[in-house]
Amino acid sequence: MATRKESIIKTLIAFLGCIIVILMHQVSYEWYMSHYSPRSRGVSLGFVMLYMRYIIIPIVFLSTFIKLKYSLLMVSVVILYMFNSWYGTNPLRVLLMFSSCSIGYSTVIICGFIKDKFIVKNDAAVSNKS
């Protein structure tokens, strides 16, 4: 069972991952809008916002609290579905969504490893000294 300190750290890591996804998506969106004039081919930019808000951000948030192999499976399914569904009609938008998701998820995984390596080891060392 996770300690209170570990739960708080996991929650902060989850929020950090979500903030990075949102920031990366906003930067990508601004870059896309400044360089291209979007034309709808039956699908507007609305699918990007819906997919980011209701699928990618919750997956990145939840990946902090579940085992790595399950979170990797969830992110892989989300990315494969995204590429399979929209890459043919909106390749640049999908690549920008992929980069946002990947950077946020990578942040969560790296921070999780740092937490496990330093914080959990330090807590174990302190409790062994007592």
N, C-alpha and C. Protein backbone atom coordinates (compact mmCIF):
# COMPACT_ATOMS: atom_id res chain seq x y z
N MET A 1 0.84 -1.18 0.00
CA MET A 1 0.00 0.00 0.00
C MET A 1 0.89 1.25 0.00
N ALA A 2 0.48 2.18 -0.80
CA ALA A 2 1.27 3.41 -0.94
C ALA A 2 1.11 4.30 0.29
N THR A 3 2.18 4.93 0.65
CA THR A 3 2.13 5.87 1.75
C THR A 3 1.49 7.17 1.27
N ARG A 4 1.17 8.01 2.23
CA ARG A 4 0.54 9.28 1.89
C ARG A 4 1.49 10.14 1.05
N LYS A 5 2.78 10.14 1.44
CA LYS A 5 3.78 10.93 0.71
C LYS A 5 3.89 10.44 -0.73
N GLU A 6 3.90 9.13 -0.92
CA GLU A 6 4.01 8.57 -2.27
C GLU A 6 2.78 8.88 -3.10
N SER A 7 1.60 8.87 -2.49
CA SER A 7 0.37 9.21 -3.21
C SER A 7 0.37 10.67 -3.65
N ILE A 8 0.85 11.54 -2.79
CA ILE A 8 0.92 12.95 -3.14
C ILE A 8 1.90 13.17 -4.28
N ILE A 9 3.04 12.50 -4.22
CA ILE A 9 4.04 12.64 -5.28
C ILE A 9 3.49 12.10 -6.60
N LYS A 10 2.78 10.97 -6.56
CA LYS A 10 2.19 10.43 -7.79
C LYS A 10 1.16 11.39 -8.38
N THR A 11 0.38 12.02 -7.52
CA THR A 11 -0.61 12.98 -7.99
C THR A 11 0.06 14.19 -8.63
N LEU A 12 1.13 14.68 -8.02
CA LEU A 12 1.87 15.81 -8.60
C LEU A 12 2.48 15.42 -9.95
N ILE A 13 3.01 14.21 -10.05
CA ILE A 13 3.58 13.74 -11.32
C ILE A 13 2.49 13.66 -12.38
N ALA A 14 1.30 13.17 -12.00
CA ALA A 14 0.18 13.07 -12.94
C ALA A 14 -0.23 14.44 -13.45
N PHE A 15 -0.33 15.41 -12.53
CA PHE A 15 -0.68 16.77 -12.95
C PHE A 15 0.41 17.38 -13.83
N LEU A 16 1.67 17.12 -13.52
CA LEU A 16 2.77 17.61 -14.35
C LEU A 16 2.67 17.05 -15.76
N GLY A 17 2.40 15.75 -15.88
CA GLY A 17 2.24 15.14 -17.21
C GLY A 17 1.10 15.76 -17.98
N CYS A 18 -0.02 16.01 -17.31
CA CYS A 18 -1.18 16.62 -17.98
C CYS A 18 -0.89 18.05 -18.40
N ILE A 19 -0.21 18.79 -17.54
CA ILE A 19 0.14 20.17 -17.90
C ILE A 19 1.06 20.20 -19.10
N ILE A 20 2.01 19.28 -19.15
CA ILE A 20 2.92 19.23 -20.30
C ILE A 20 2.17 18.86 -21.57
N VAL A 21 1.22 17.93 -21.49
CA VAL A 21 0.41 17.58 -22.66
C VAL A 21 -0.35 18.81 -23.14
N ILE A 22 -0.96 19.54 -22.22
CA ILE A 22 -1.75 20.71 -22.60
C ILE A 22 -0.85 21.80 -23.20
N LEU A 23 0.28 22.07 -22.57
CA LEU A 23 1.19 23.09 -23.10
C LEU A 23 1.73 22.71 -24.47
N MET A 24 2.15 21.46 -24.62
CA MET A 24 2.67 21.01 -25.91
C MET A 24 1.59 21.07 -26.99
N HIS A 25 0.37 20.69 -26.62
CA HIS A 25 -0.72 20.75 -27.58
C HIS A 25 -1.02 22.19 -27.97
N GLN A 26 -1.00 23.11 -27.01
CA GLN A 26 -1.28 24.51 -27.31
C GLN A 26 -0.20 25.11 -28.22
N VAL A 27 1.07 24.79 -27.93
CA VAL A 27 2.17 25.27 -28.78
C VAL A 27 2.02 24.70 -30.19
N SER A 28 1.70 23.42 -30.29
CA SER A 28 1.52 22.78 -31.60
C SER A 28 0.35 23.39 -32.35
N TYR A 29 -0.74 23.65 -31.62
CA TYR A 29 -1.92 24.25 -32.23
C TYR A 29 -1.61 25.64 -32.78
N GLU A 30 -0.92 26.45 -31.98
CA GLU A 30 -0.57 27.80 -32.43
C GLU A 30 0.36 27.74 -33.65
N TRP A 31 1.33 26.83 -33.63
CA TRP A 31 2.23 26.68 -34.76
C TRP A 31 1.45 26.27 -36.01
N TYR A 32 0.56 25.29 -35.84
CA TYR A 32 -0.24 24.80 -36.97
C TYR A 32 -1.10 25.91 -37.55
N MET A 33 -1.78 26.67 -36.70
CA MET A 33 -2.66 27.72 -37.19
C MET A 33 -1.90 28.87 -37.84
N SER A 34 -0.66 29.12 -37.40
CA SER A 34 0.10 30.21 -38.00
C SER A 34 0.73 29.82 -39.34
N HIS A 35 0.92 28.54 -39.58
CA HIS A 35 1.56 28.10 -40.81
C HIS A 35 0.60 27.54 -41.85
N TYR A 36 -0.56 27.12 -41.43
CA TYR A 36 -1.52 26.49 -42.35
C TYR A 36 -2.89 27.08 -42.14
N SER A 37 -3.64 27.13 -43.22
CA SER A 37 -5.05 27.52 -43.09
C SER A 37 -5.85 26.22 -43.11
N PRO A 38 -6.46 25.88 -41.98
CA PRO A 38 -7.16 24.60 -41.91
C PRO A 38 -8.38 24.57 -42.81
N ARG A 39 -8.48 23.49 -43.53
CA ARG A 39 -9.65 23.24 -44.38
C ARG A 39 -10.28 21.94 -43.91
N SER A 40 -11.56 21.97 -43.74
CA SER A 40 -12.26 20.80 -43.25
C SER A 40 -12.54 19.84 -44.39
N ARG A 41 -12.18 18.59 -44.19
CA ARG A 41 -12.53 17.53 -45.14
C ARG A 41 -13.58 16.63 -44.49
N GLY A 42 -14.56 17.25 -43.89
CA GLY A 42 -15.57 16.49 -43.19
C GLY A 42 -15.26 16.39 -41.70
N VAL A 43 -14.01 16.64 -41.33
CA VAL A 43 -13.62 16.58 -39.92
C VAL A 43 -12.91 17.89 -39.61
N SER A 44 -13.41 18.61 -38.64
CA SER A 44 -12.77 19.88 -38.30
C SER A 44 -11.78 19.68 -37.17
N LEU A 45 -11.26 20.76 -36.64
CA LEU A 45 -10.32 20.68 -35.52
C LEU A 45 -10.99 20.23 -34.24
N GLY A 46 -12.29 20.09 -34.24
CA GLY A 46 -13.01 19.66 -33.04
C GLY A 46 -12.60 18.28 -32.57
N PHE A 47 -12.30 17.37 -33.49
CA PHE A 47 -11.92 16.02 -33.08
C PHE A 47 -10.61 16.05 -32.31
N VAL A 48 -9.74 16.98 -32.63
CA VAL A 48 -8.46 17.08 -31.93
C VAL A 48 -8.70 17.46 -30.47
N MET A 49 -9.52 18.47 -30.24
CA MET A 49 -9.78 18.92 -28.87
C MET A 49 -10.51 17.84 -28.07
N LEU A 50 -11.49 17.19 -28.67
CA LEU A 50 -12.20 16.13 -27.96
C LEU A 50 -11.28 14.97 -27.61
N TYR A 51 -10.47 14.56 -28.55
CA TYR A 51 -9.56 13.44 -28.31
C TYR A 51 -8.52 13.80 -27.26
N MET A 52 -8.03 15.02 -27.29
CA MET A 52 -7.04 15.45 -26.30
C MET A 52 -7.68 15.53 -24.91
N ARG A 53 -8.83 16.14 -24.81
CA ARG A 53 -9.46 16.37 -23.50
C ARG A 53 -9.99 15.11 -22.85
N TYR A 54 -10.62 14.25 -23.65
CA TYR A 54 -11.35 13.14 -23.06
C TYR A 54 -10.66 11.78 -23.20
N ILE A 55 -9.56 11.71 -23.93
CA ILE A 55 -8.86 10.44 -24.06
C ILE A 55 -7.40 10.56 -23.66
N ILE A 56 -6.65 11.43 -24.30
CA ILE A 56 -5.20 11.49 -24.06
C ILE A 56 -4.88 12.01 -22.66
N ILE A 57 -5.45 13.11 -22.25
CA ILE A 57 -5.13 13.67 -20.94
C ILE A 57 -5.52 12.72 -19.80
N PRO A 58 -6.72 12.11 -19.81
CA PRO A 58 -7.01 11.13 -18.75
C PRO A 58 -6.08 9.92 -18.75
N ILE A 59 -5.66 9.46 -19.92
CA ILE A 59 -4.74 8.32 -19.99
C ILE A 59 -3.39 8.70 -19.39
N VAL A 60 -2.90 9.88 -19.72
CA VAL A 60 -1.62 10.32 -19.15
C VAL A 60 -1.75 10.47 -17.63
N PHE A 61 -2.87 10.99 -17.16
CA PHE A 61 -3.08 11.14 -15.72
C PHE A 61 -3.11 9.77 -15.03
N LEU A 62 -3.88 8.84 -15.58
CA LEU A 62 -4.01 7.52 -14.96
C LEU A 62 -2.74 6.68 -15.03
N SER A 63 -1.90 6.96 -16.01
CA SER A 63 -0.69 6.15 -16.17
C SER A 63 0.26 6.24 -14.98
N THR A 64 0.11 7.28 -14.18
CA THR A 64 0.95 7.42 -12.99
C THR A 64 0.56 6.40 -11.92
N PHE A 65 -0.69 6.03 -11.88
CA PHE A 65 -1.21 5.21 -10.79
C PHE A 65 -1.29 3.72 -11.10
N ILE A 66 -1.00 3.33 -12.33
CA ILE A 66 -1.07 1.92 -12.69
C ILE A 66 0.31 1.41 -13.10
N LYS A 67 0.43 0.10 -13.21
CA LYS A 67 1.73 -0.48 -13.58
C LYS A 67 2.14 -0.05 -14.97
N LEU A 68 3.45 -0.04 -15.19
CA LEU A 68 4.01 0.46 -16.45
C LEU A 68 3.50 -0.33 -17.65
N LYS A 69 3.43 -1.65 -17.54
CA LYS A 69 3.02 -2.45 -18.71
C LYS A 69 1.57 -2.15 -19.10
N TYR A 70 0.70 -1.89 -18.12
CA TYR A 70 -0.69 -1.58 -18.44
C TYR A 70 -0.83 -0.16 -19.00
N SER A 71 -0.07 0.77 -18.45
CA SER A 71 -0.16 2.13 -18.97
C SER A 71 0.42 2.21 -20.38
N LEU A 72 1.49 1.46 -20.62
CA LEU A 72 2.07 1.42 -21.97
C LEU A 72 1.08 0.81 -22.96
N LEU A 73 0.36 -0.21 -22.53
CA LEU A 73 -0.66 -0.82 -23.38
C LEU A 73 -1.77 0.18 -23.69
N MET A 74 -2.24 0.93 -22.68
CA MET A 74 -3.30 1.92 -22.90
C MET A 74 -2.85 3.02 -23.85
N VAL A 75 -1.66 3.55 -23.64
CA VAL A 75 -1.16 4.62 -24.51
C VAL A 75 -0.96 4.10 -25.92
N SER A 76 -0.49 2.88 -26.06
CA SER A 76 -0.29 2.29 -27.39
C SER A 76 -1.62 2.14 -28.13
N VAL A 77 -2.65 1.69 -27.44
CA VAL A 77 -3.96 1.54 -28.07
C VAL A 77 -4.50 2.91 -28.50
N VAL A 78 -4.34 3.91 -27.65
CA VAL A 78 -4.81 5.26 -27.97
C VAL A 78 -4.08 5.80 -29.20
N ILE A 79 -2.78 5.61 -29.25
CA ILE A 79 -1.99 6.12 -30.38
C ILE A 79 -2.31 5.34 -31.65
N LEU A 80 -2.41 4.03 -31.56
CA LEU A 80 -2.75 3.23 -32.75
C LEU A 80 -4.12 3.60 -33.30
N TYR A 81 -5.09 3.79 -32.41
CA TYR A 81 -6.42 4.20 -32.87
C TYR A 81 -6.36 5.56 -33.56
N MET A 82 -5.61 6.48 -32.96
CA MET A 82 -5.49 7.82 -33.52
C MET A 82 -4.89 7.76 -34.93
N PHE A 83 -3.79 7.01 -35.09
CA PHE A 83 -3.16 6.91 -36.40
C PHE A 83 -4.05 6.17 -37.39
N ASN A 84 -4.70 5.12 -36.94
CA ASN A 84 -5.55 4.34 -37.82
C ASN A 84 -6.77 5.14 -38.29
N SER A 85 -7.33 5.94 -37.42
CA SER A 85 -8.56 6.67 -37.75
C SER A 85 -8.33 7.92 -38.57
N TRP A 86 -7.33 8.73 -38.22
CA TRP A 86 -7.24 10.06 -38.79
C TRP A 86 -5.97 10.37 -39.57
N TYR A 87 -4.99 9.50 -39.55
CA TYR A 87 -3.73 9.84 -40.22
C TYR A 87 -3.90 10.02 -41.72
N GLY A 88 -4.78 9.25 -42.32
CA GLY A 88 -4.98 9.35 -43.77
C GLY A 88 -5.51 10.69 -44.22
N THR A 89 -6.34 11.32 -43.40
CA THR A 89 -6.94 12.60 -43.80
C THR A 89 -6.28 13.81 -43.14
N ASN A 90 -5.66 13.63 -41.97
CA ASN A 90 -5.07 14.75 -41.24
C ASN A 90 -3.71 14.37 -40.67
N PRO A 91 -2.73 14.10 -41.51
CA PRO A 91 -1.46 13.57 -40.98
C PRO A 91 -0.71 14.53 -40.05
N LEU A 92 -0.67 15.81 -40.35
CA LEU A 92 0.07 16.73 -39.50
C LEU A 92 -0.61 16.90 -38.14
N ARG A 93 -1.92 16.98 -38.14
CA ARG A 93 -2.64 17.10 -36.87
C ARG A 93 -2.40 15.88 -36.00
N VAL A 94 -2.41 14.71 -36.60
CA VAL A 94 -2.19 13.48 -35.84
C VAL A 94 -0.76 13.42 -35.31
N LEU A 95 0.20 13.86 -36.11
CA LEU A 95 1.59 13.87 -35.64
C LEU A 95 1.78 14.85 -34.48
N LEU A 96 1.11 15.98 -34.53
CA LEU A 96 1.19 16.94 -33.44
C LEU A 96 0.52 16.39 -32.18
N MET A 97 -0.60 15.70 -32.34
CA MET A 97 -1.25 15.06 -31.19
C MET A 97 -0.37 13.95 -30.62
N PHE A 98 0.27 13.20 -31.50
CA PHE A 98 1.17 12.13 -31.06
C PHE A 98 2.35 12.70 -30.27
N SER A 99 2.91 13.80 -30.76
CA SER A 99 4.05 14.39 -30.05
C SER A 99 3.61 14.91 -28.68
N SER A 100 2.44 15.52 -28.58
CA SER A 100 1.95 15.98 -27.29
C SER A 100 1.76 14.83 -26.32
N CYS A 101 1.14 13.77 -26.79
CA CYS A 101 0.90 12.60 -25.95
C CYS A 101 2.22 11.94 -25.53
N SER A 102 3.13 11.80 -26.45
CA SER A 102 4.40 11.13 -26.17
C SER A 102 5.24 11.91 -25.16
N ILE A 103 5.30 13.21 -25.30
CA ILE A 103 6.11 14.01 -24.38
C ILE A 103 5.49 14.00 -22.98
N GLY A 104 4.18 14.11 -22.89
CA GLY A 104 3.53 14.05 -21.57
C GLY A 104 3.70 12.69 -20.91
N TYR A 105 3.51 11.62 -21.69
CA TYR A 105 3.66 10.28 -21.15
C TYR A 105 5.11 10.01 -20.75
N SER A 106 6.05 10.45 -21.56
CA SER A 106 7.47 10.28 -21.24
C SER A 106 7.82 11.02 -19.94
N THR A 107 7.26 12.19 -19.75
CA THR A 107 7.49 12.94 -18.52
C THR A 107 6.99 12.16 -17.31
N VAL A 108 5.80 11.56 -17.43
CA VAL A 108 5.25 10.77 -16.33
C VAL A 108 6.14 9.57 -16.03
N ILE A 109 6.60 8.88 -17.06
CA ILE A 109 7.43 7.69 -16.87
C ILE A 109 8.78 8.07 -16.25
N ILE A 110 9.41 9.10 -16.76
CA ILE A 110 10.73 9.52 -16.24
C ILE A 110 10.60 9.98 -14.79
N CYS A 111 9.58 10.78 -14.49
CA CYS A 111 9.38 11.23 -13.10
C CYS A 111 9.06 10.05 -12.19
N GLY A 112 8.34 9.06 -12.70
CA GLY A 112 8.05 7.86 -11.91
C GLY A 112 9.31 7.10 -11.57
N PHE A 113 10.22 6.96 -12.55
CA PHE A 113 11.49 6.29 -12.29
C PHE A 113 12.34 7.07 -11.29
N ILE A 114 12.35 8.38 -11.42
CA ILE A 114 13.10 9.21 -10.47
C ILE A 114 12.51 9.05 -9.07
N LYS A 115 11.20 9.06 -8.98
CA LYS A 115 10.53 8.88 -7.69
C LYS A 115 10.91 7.53 -7.08
N ASP A 116 10.82 6.47 -7.87
CA ASP A 116 11.15 5.15 -7.36
C ASP A 116 12.60 5.03 -6.94
N LYS A 117 13.47 5.63 -7.71
CA LYS A 117 14.91 5.49 -7.44
C LYS A 117 15.35 6.29 -6.22
N PHE A 118 14.90 7.52 -6.11
CA PHE A 118 15.42 8.39 -5.06
C PHE A 118 14.50 8.50 -3.85
N ILE A 119 13.24 8.75 -4.07
CA ILE A 119 12.36 9.03 -2.94
C ILE A 119 12.03 7.76 -2.17
N VAL A 120 11.67 6.69 -2.87
CA VAL A 120 11.33 5.44 -2.18
C VAL A 120 12.55 4.86 -1.49
N LYS A 121 13.73 4.91 -2.14
CA LYS A 121 14.96 4.41 -1.51
C LYS A 121 15.31 5.23 -0.28
N ASN A 122 15.16 6.55 -0.36
CA ASN A 122 15.47 7.41 0.78
C ASN A 122 14.52 7.13 1.95
N ASP A 123 13.23 6.90 1.65
CA ASP A 123 12.29 6.57 2.71
C ASP A 123 12.62 5.25 3.37
N ALA A 124 13.04 4.26 2.56
CA ALA A 124 13.42 2.96 3.11
C ALA A 124 14.67 3.07 3.97
N ALA A 125 15.62 3.88 3.54
CA ALA A 125 16.86 4.06 4.31
C ALA A 125 16.58 4.77 5.63
N VAL A 126 15.69 5.74 5.62
CA VAL A 126 15.34 6.46 6.85
C VAL A 126 14.62 5.53 7.81
N SER A 127 13.70 4.70 7.31
CA SER A 127 12.97 3.80 8.20
C SER A 127 13.85 2.69 8.74
N ASN A 128 14.89 2.27 8.01
CA ASN A 128 15.82 1.26 8.50
C ASN A 128 16.73 1.82 9.60
N LYS A 129 17.02 3.10 9.56
CA LYS A 129 17.87 3.72 10.58
C LYS A 129 17.14 3.85 11.91
N SER A 130 15.82 3.94 11.84
CA SER A 130 15.04 4.15 13.07
C SER A 130 14.99 2.93 13.93
